[in-house]
Amino acid sequence: MTVSRRNFCKIASGLALGAMVAPVPLEAKRRKRRGRPAKRVLIIAFDGIRVDGLAQAETPNIDALIRSGAASMSTRDVMPSVTLPNFTSHLTGAGPEVHGVTDNGWATAHALPAVVTDEDGYFPSVYQALKTSVPNIKTAYYWNWKPLIGPINPRYIDDALFGEKDAFIPLYDRAMSFLSENRDVPTFTFLYTVHTDHAGHKYKWMSPEYIAAIEAGDVQVGRLVAFLKEEGLYDDAHIFFITDHGGIGNGHGGVSTEEMIVPWVVSGPGIKEGFTISEPNNTVNTAATVLRLFGVEQPLCWTGEVPESIFL
């Protein structure tokens, strides 16, 4: 049987909202795309980044990524504007109403079932789509807020490292080792830090301490990009810079523009340079764009759309 987007996430006939979700086999297929499929895709994620916070901070390395690629400073979160629903949306190409991750307290047994699950009970992620469709691909997940990985099926992750006590420099070290060791095969890497969000909660969003946290993260971005260039890995790398929400006062979770409007950046081969994305964009679009870069068709149960204007 030919695998299509429609039967990638085929749901058992007659499944109703609230009914038990039956595990189904999930697989993807390669699709044709302009140019060569991506060799390596890297997502750099800072938690809790306001657009005006990024603009105020001294971030020469993130600024360089923006100049070298396509950027939106009007991307929308999914609601609620909190971490777990949004990063799950980034990595699964769908919103909370589809994947069922509706708050930061989500656990495997939760109130709203995902519309479809794999045999292990997980909604299909970008990791699953890539591992089932891109030969020899290696995947990595590096994070320092423990609940973040919960909704992602770990069987599709080849290398993972959790940073205790907000540590993020070791995560960048591990990512560099992973990319170097797997230089000859396709790779997908997710590299996340929560320290910026925690600075906002402790000192307030837009405080000097919050701005300094963004700048500290930018130093590591620069170190990583320099490493990629030194190792000859940069020219065929696609790099995203993303976040999950902004913040106001000492918190977030509401619907203010300071919480709901965030930056979204992608650079690399075939991406326009210095391009401002004007079309509507959302956190659910990240995984869809990653799959497009690798030439993989996305699951029908995903709702994300690729911002087509970013391509040359």
Protein backbone atom coordinates (compact mmCIF):
# COMPACT_ATOMS: atom_id res chain seq x y z
CA MET A 1 0.00 0.00 0.00
CA THR A 2 1.27 3.46 -0.87
CA VAL A 3 1.78 5.53 2.24
CA SER A 4 0.23 8.97 1.99
CA ARG A 5 -0.26 11.85 4.36
CA ARG A 6 -3.85 10.71 4.74
CA ASN A 7 -3.06 7.21 6.02
CA PHE A 8 0.04 8.27 8.00
CA CYS A 9 -2.24 9.15 10.90
CA LYS A 10 -5.30 7.13 9.98
CA ILE A 11 -7.62 6.93 12.97
CA ALA A 12 -9.62 3.83 13.76
CA SER A 13 -13.06 4.07 12.20
CA GLY A 14 -15.69 5.58 14.46
CA LEU A 15 -13.27 7.04 17.01
CA ALA A 16 -15.07 9.75 18.97
CA LEU A 17 -13.74 12.56 21.11
CA GLY A 18 -13.03 11.22 24.57
CA ALA A 19 -13.03 7.61 23.42
CA MET A 20 -10.02 5.39 23.99
CA VAL A 21 -7.40 6.19 21.38
CA ALA A 22 -6.24 3.09 19.58
CA PRO A 23 -2.54 2.87 18.74
CA VAL A 24 -1.97 2.86 14.99
CA PRO A 25 1.15 2.24 12.92
CA LEU A 26 2.69 5.53 11.85
CA GLU A 27 5.06 5.96 8.94
CA ALA A 28 6.04 8.70 6.55
CA LYS A 29 7.28 8.85 3.00
CA ARG A 30 9.79 10.98 1.18
CA ARG A 31 8.44 13.76 -0.97
CA LYS A 32 10.06 15.77 -3.70
CA ARG A 33 11.28 19.22 -2.79
CA ARG A 34 13.24 21.87 -4.56
CA GLY A 35 16.96 21.30 -4.19
CA ARG A 36 18.67 18.58 -2.20
CA PRO A 37 17.12 17.26 1.00
CA ALA A 38 18.65 18.75 4.13
CA LYS A 39 21.84 17.22 5.51
CA ARG A 40 21.56 18.57 9.05
CA VAL A 41 18.84 20.56 10.77
CA LEU A 42 19.47 22.18 14.15
CA ILE A 43 16.84 23.83 16.33
CA ILE A 44 18.19 26.29 18.89
CA ALA A 45 15.45 27.04 21.42
CA PHE A 46 15.44 29.64 24.20
CA ASP A 47 12.48 29.56 26.57
CA GLY A 48 10.40 32.70 27.16
CA ILE A 49 11.76 35.16 24.59
CA ARG A 50 9.89 38.39 23.97
CA VAL A 51 10.39 40.07 20.61
CA ASP A 52 11.35 43.36 22.26
CA GLY A 53 13.61 41.51 24.70
CA LEU A 54 15.55 40.01 21.81
CA ALA A 55 15.72 43.43 20.16
CA GLN A 56 17.04 45.08 23.34
CA ALA A 57 19.65 42.43 24.14
CA GLU A 58 23.10 42.47 22.59
CA THR A 59 22.88 39.28 20.52
CA PRO A 60 25.36 39.48 17.65
CA ASN A 61 25.19 35.75 16.95
CA ILE A 62 21.41 35.45 16.81
CA ASP A 63 21.37 38.67 14.79
CA ALA A 64 23.74 37.02 12.31
CA LEU A 65 21.34 34.08 11.95
CA ILE A 66 18.51 36.54 11.30
CA ARG A 67 20.54 38.33 8.62
CA SER A 68 21.49 35.07 6.95
CA GLY A 69 17.97 33.66 6.82
CA ALA A 70 14.24 34.28 7.07
CA ALA A 71 12.74 35.72 10.24
CA SER A 72 9.31 36.42 11.67
CA MET A 73 8.86 38.76 14.61
CA SER A 74 5.10 38.20 14.59
CA THR A 75 4.82 34.43 15.06
CA ARG A 76 1.91 33.34 17.29
CA ASP A 77 2.05 30.92 20.19
CA VAL A 78 -0.56 28.28 20.66
CA MET A 79 -2.72 28.83 23.72
CA PRO A 80 -2.07 28.67 26.58
CA SER A 81 1.15 30.66 26.26
CA VAL A 82 3.15 28.27 28.41
CA THR A 83 6.10 26.00 27.72
CA LEU A 84 4.95 22.41 27.32
CA PRO A 85 2.00 22.98 24.96
CA ASN A 86 4.11 25.24 22.76
CA PHE A 87 7.27 23.18 22.48
CA THR A 88 5.15 20.08 21.94
CA SER A 89 3.49 22.02 19.12
CA HIS A 90 6.88 23.01 17.68
CA LEU A 91 7.94 19.34 17.59
CA THR A 92 4.65 17.67 16.63
CA GLY A 93 3.21 20.07 14.06
CA ALA A 94 -0.15 20.45 15.80
CA GLY A 95 -1.80 22.38 18.61
CA PRO A 96 -3.05 21.30 22.04
CA GLU A 97 -6.51 20.52 20.69
CA VAL A 98 -4.85 17.82 18.55
CA HIS A 99 -1.88 16.50 20.55
CA GLY A 100 -3.64 16.88 23.92
CA VAL A 101 -0.83 18.66 25.79
CA THR A 102 -2.82 21.51 27.30
CA ASP A 103 -0.66 22.68 30.23
CA ASN A 104 2.70 22.28 31.94
CA GLY A 105 1.27 19.62 34.23
CA TRP A 106 0.63 17.21 31.36
CA ALA A 107 1.38 13.55 31.96
CA THR A 108 0.86 10.42 29.88
CA ALA A 109 -2.56 9.96 31.50
CA HIS A 110 -4.24 13.27 30.73
CA ALA A 111 -7.71 14.71 30.26
CA LEU A 112 -7.71 15.29 26.49
CA PRO A 113 -6.53 12.31 24.43
CA ALA A 114 -4.43 12.99 21.36
CA VAL A 115 -6.39 12.43 18.17
CA VAL A 116 -4.08 9.53 17.35
CA THR A 117 -1.18 7.75 19.04
CA ASP A 118 1.57 5.36 18.14
CA GLU A 119 1.90 1.92 19.74
CA ASP A 120 3.59 3.49 22.77
CA GLY A 121 0.81 6.01 23.34
CA TYR A 122 2.53 9.11 21.90
CA PHE A 123 1.25 11.60 19.35
CA PRO A 124 3.57 11.45 16.29
CA SER A 125 6.47 13.87 16.52
CA VAL A 126 8.99 15.16 14.01
CA TYR A 127 11.41 12.62 15.48
CA GLN A 128 9.15 9.73 14.55
CA ALA A 129 8.49 11.06 11.06
CA LEU A 130 12.21 11.49 10.39
CA LYS A 131 13.36 8.18 11.86
CA THR A 132 10.77 6.24 9.85
CA SER A 133 11.52 7.96 6.54
CA VAL A 134 15.10 9.29 6.30
CA PRO A 135 17.67 6.50 5.93
CA ASN A 136 20.54 6.60 8.45
CA ILE A 137 19.37 9.81 10.14
CA LYS A 138 20.61 10.42 13.67
CA THR A 139 18.56 12.47 16.10
CA ALA A 140 19.37 14.31 19.33
CA TYR A 141 17.47 16.03 22.13
CA TYR A 142 19.20 18.27 24.69
CA TRP A 143 17.20 20.07 27.38
CA ASN A 144 17.33 21.45 30.95
CA TRP A 145 13.67 21.63 32.03
CA LYS A 146 12.77 18.07 32.94
CA PRO A 147 9.08 17.86 31.82
CA LEU A 148 9.87 19.10 28.30
CA ILE A 149 10.66 15.71 26.80
CA GLY A 150 7.56 14.02 28.26
CA PRO A 151 5.31 14.12 25.16
CA ILE A 152 8.05 12.92 22.77
CA ASN A 153 8.52 9.18 22.25
CA PRO A 154 12.15 8.54 23.28
CA ARG A 155 12.53 5.49 21.05
CA TYR A 156 13.14 7.83 18.08
CA ILE A 157 15.89 9.83 19.81
CA ASP A 158 19.45 8.57 19.34
CA ASP A 159 21.24 10.88 21.77
CA ALA A 160 19.82 12.80 24.73
CA LEU A 161 21.22 14.83 27.60
CA PHE A 162 19.44 16.61 30.45
CA GLY A 163 21.14 19.58 32.12
CA GLU A 164 20.65 19.78 35.88
CA LYS A 165 20.02 23.13 37.62
CA ASP A 166 19.46 25.09 34.38
CA ALA A 167 22.89 24.11 33.03
CA PHE A 168 23.07 24.73 29.31
CA ILE A 169 26.76 25.02 28.35
CA PRO A 170 27.19 21.19 28.64
CA LEU A 171 24.24 20.80 26.28
CA TYR A 172 26.02 22.88 23.64
CA ASP A 173 29.18 20.83 24.19
CA ARG A 174 27.23 17.60 23.67
CA ALA A 175 25.50 18.96 20.57
CA MET A 176 28.85 19.83 19.02
CA SER A 177 30.20 16.35 19.72
CA PHE A 178 27.06 14.77 18.26
CA LEU A 179 27.22 16.85 15.09
CA SER A 180 30.90 16.14 14.58
CA GLU A 181 30.58 12.40 15.20
CA ASN A 182 27.65 12.14 12.77
CA ARG A 183 28.95 14.47 10.08
CA ASP A 184 28.54 11.88 7.33
CA VAL A 185 24.84 11.13 7.90
CA PRO A 186 21.71 13.32 8.12
CA THR A 187 21.09 14.74 11.59
CA PHE A 188 18.27 16.46 13.44
CA THR A 189 19.18 18.20 16.70
CA PHE A 190 16.97 19.99 19.24
CA LEU A 191 18.95 22.17 21.68
CA TYR A 192 16.92 23.92 24.37
CA THR A 193 17.58 26.09 27.40
CA VAL A 194 15.17 27.28 30.10
CA HIS A 195 17.47 29.75 31.86
CA THR A 196 15.94 32.76 30.06
CA ASP A 197 12.43 31.86 31.22
CA HIS A 198 13.60 31.37 34.79
CA ALA A 199 15.26 34.79 34.73
CA GLY A 200 11.93 36.29 33.67
CA HIS A 201 10.05 34.55 36.47
CA LYS A 202 12.59 35.54 39.10
CA TYR A 203 13.43 39.09 38.04
CA LYS A 204 10.57 40.01 35.62
CA TRP A 205 10.50 40.00 31.86
CA MET A 206 12.53 42.90 30.38
CA SER A 207 14.53 43.30 33.61
CA PRO A 208 18.31 43.73 33.28
CA GLU A 209 18.74 40.17 34.54
CA TYR A 210 16.38 38.81 31.89
CA ILE A 211 18.20 40.68 29.13
CA ALA A 212 21.52 39.40 30.47
CA ALA A 213 20.22 35.82 30.33
CA ILE A 214 19.41 36.23 26.63
CA GLU A 215 22.90 37.61 26.04
CA ALA A 216 24.50 34.68 27.90
CA GLY A 217 22.62 32.28 25.64
CA ASP A 218 23.75 34.19 22.56
CA VAL A 219 27.37 33.60 23.52
CA GLN A 220 26.76 29.84 23.28
CA VAL A 221 24.99 30.25 19.94
CA GLY A 222 28.10 32.00 18.67
CA ARG A 223 30.33 29.24 19.99
CA LEU A 224 28.19 26.62 18.27
CA VAL A 225 28.09 28.43 14.93
CA ALA A 226 31.86 28.99 15.05
CA PHE A 227 32.33 25.27 15.71
CA LEU A 228 30.14 24.35 12.74
CA LYS A 229 32.20 26.61 10.49
CA GLU A 230 35.53 25.28 11.77
CA GLU A 231 34.36 21.69 11.25
CA GLY A 232 33.04 22.33 7.75
CA LEU A 233 29.47 21.61 8.89
CA TYR A 234 27.93 25.07 8.55
CA ASP A 235 27.36 25.46 4.81
CA ASP A 236 24.92 22.55 4.59
CA ALA A 237 23.24 23.19 7.95
CA HIS A 238 19.74 24.58 8.45
CA ILE A 239 19.47 26.41 11.77
CA PHE A 240 16.26 27.47 13.50
CA PHE A 241 16.02 29.90 16.40
CA ILE A 242 12.68 29.52 18.20
CA THR A 243 10.92 30.14 21.49
CA ASP A 244 7.64 29.16 23.11
CA HIS A 245 6.15 32.32 24.60
CA GLY A 246 7.01 35.75 25.91
CA GLY A 247 6.14 37.09 29.32
CA ILE A 248 4.86 40.05 31.27
CA GLY A 249 5.73 40.98 34.83
CA ASN A 250 6.89 37.77 36.48
CA GLY A 251 4.76 35.39 34.47
CA HIS A 252 3.05 34.29 31.28
CA GLY A 253 0.11 32.18 30.16
CA GLY A 254 -2.22 34.98 29.08
CA VAL A 255 -3.16 36.43 25.72
CA SER A 256 -1.27 39.73 25.72
CA THR A 257 0.91 40.43 22.70
CA GLU A 258 3.94 40.36 25.03
CA GLU A 259 3.13 36.70 25.77
CA MET A 260 1.66 35.55 22.46
CA ILE A 261 3.93 37.11 19.80
CA VAL A 262 7.40 35.59 19.48
CA PRO A 263 10.42 35.42 17.16
CA TRP A 264 10.92 32.56 14.68
CA VAL A 265 14.04 32.27 12.51
CA VAL A 266 15.40 29.77 9.97
CA SER A 267 18.55 29.93 7.87
CA GLY A 268 20.41 27.57 5.57
CA PRO A 269 20.62 26.31 2.00
CA GLY A 270 17.62 27.31 -0.12
CA ILE A 271 16.35 29.83 2.46
CA LYS A 272 16.16 33.51 1.53
CA GLU A 273 18.74 35.71 3.23
CA GLY A 274 17.71 38.80 5.18
CA PHE A 275 14.07 37.99 4.52
CA THR A 276 11.23 39.18 6.73
CA ILE A 277 8.35 36.70 6.88
CA SER A 278 5.12 38.65 6.54
CA GLU A 279 2.71 35.74 6.16
CA PRO A 280 0.97 34.46 9.32
CA ASN A 281 3.15 32.02 11.25
CA ASN A 282 2.63 29.84 14.30
CA THR A 283 4.59 27.51 16.55
CA VAL A 284 2.86 24.53 14.91
CA ASN A 285 4.68 25.34 11.66
CA THR A 286 8.16 24.44 12.89
CA ALA A 287 7.91 20.67 12.51
CA ALA A 288 6.20 21.01 9.14
CA THR A 289 9.12 23.13 7.93
CA VAL A 290 11.68 20.65 9.25
CA LEU A 291 10.00 17.83 7.35
CA ARG A 292 9.89 19.93 4.18
CA LEU A 293 13.62 20.54 4.45
CA PHE A 294 14.27 16.80 4.70
CA GLY A 295 11.81 16.07 1.89
CA VAL A 296 9.38 14.17 4.11
CA GLU A 297 5.61 14.34 3.84
CA GLN A 298 3.95 15.42 7.06
CA PRO A 299 1.23 13.44 8.84
CA LEU A 300 -2.36 14.30 8.04
CA CYS A 301 -3.08 14.71 11.76
CA TRP A 302 -0.65 17.62 11.88
CA THR A 303 -2.09 21.08 11.31
CA GLY A 304 1.16 22.97 10.69
CA GLU A 305 1.79 24.73 7.41
CA VAL A 306 5.14 25.54 5.84
CA PRO A 307 5.67 29.31 5.37
CA GLU A 308 6.37 28.99 1.66
CA SER A 309 7.74 32.51 1.28
CA ILE A 310 10.98 31.57 3.05
CA PHE A 311 12.33 29.58 0.09
CA LEU A 312 14.41 30.90 -2.77
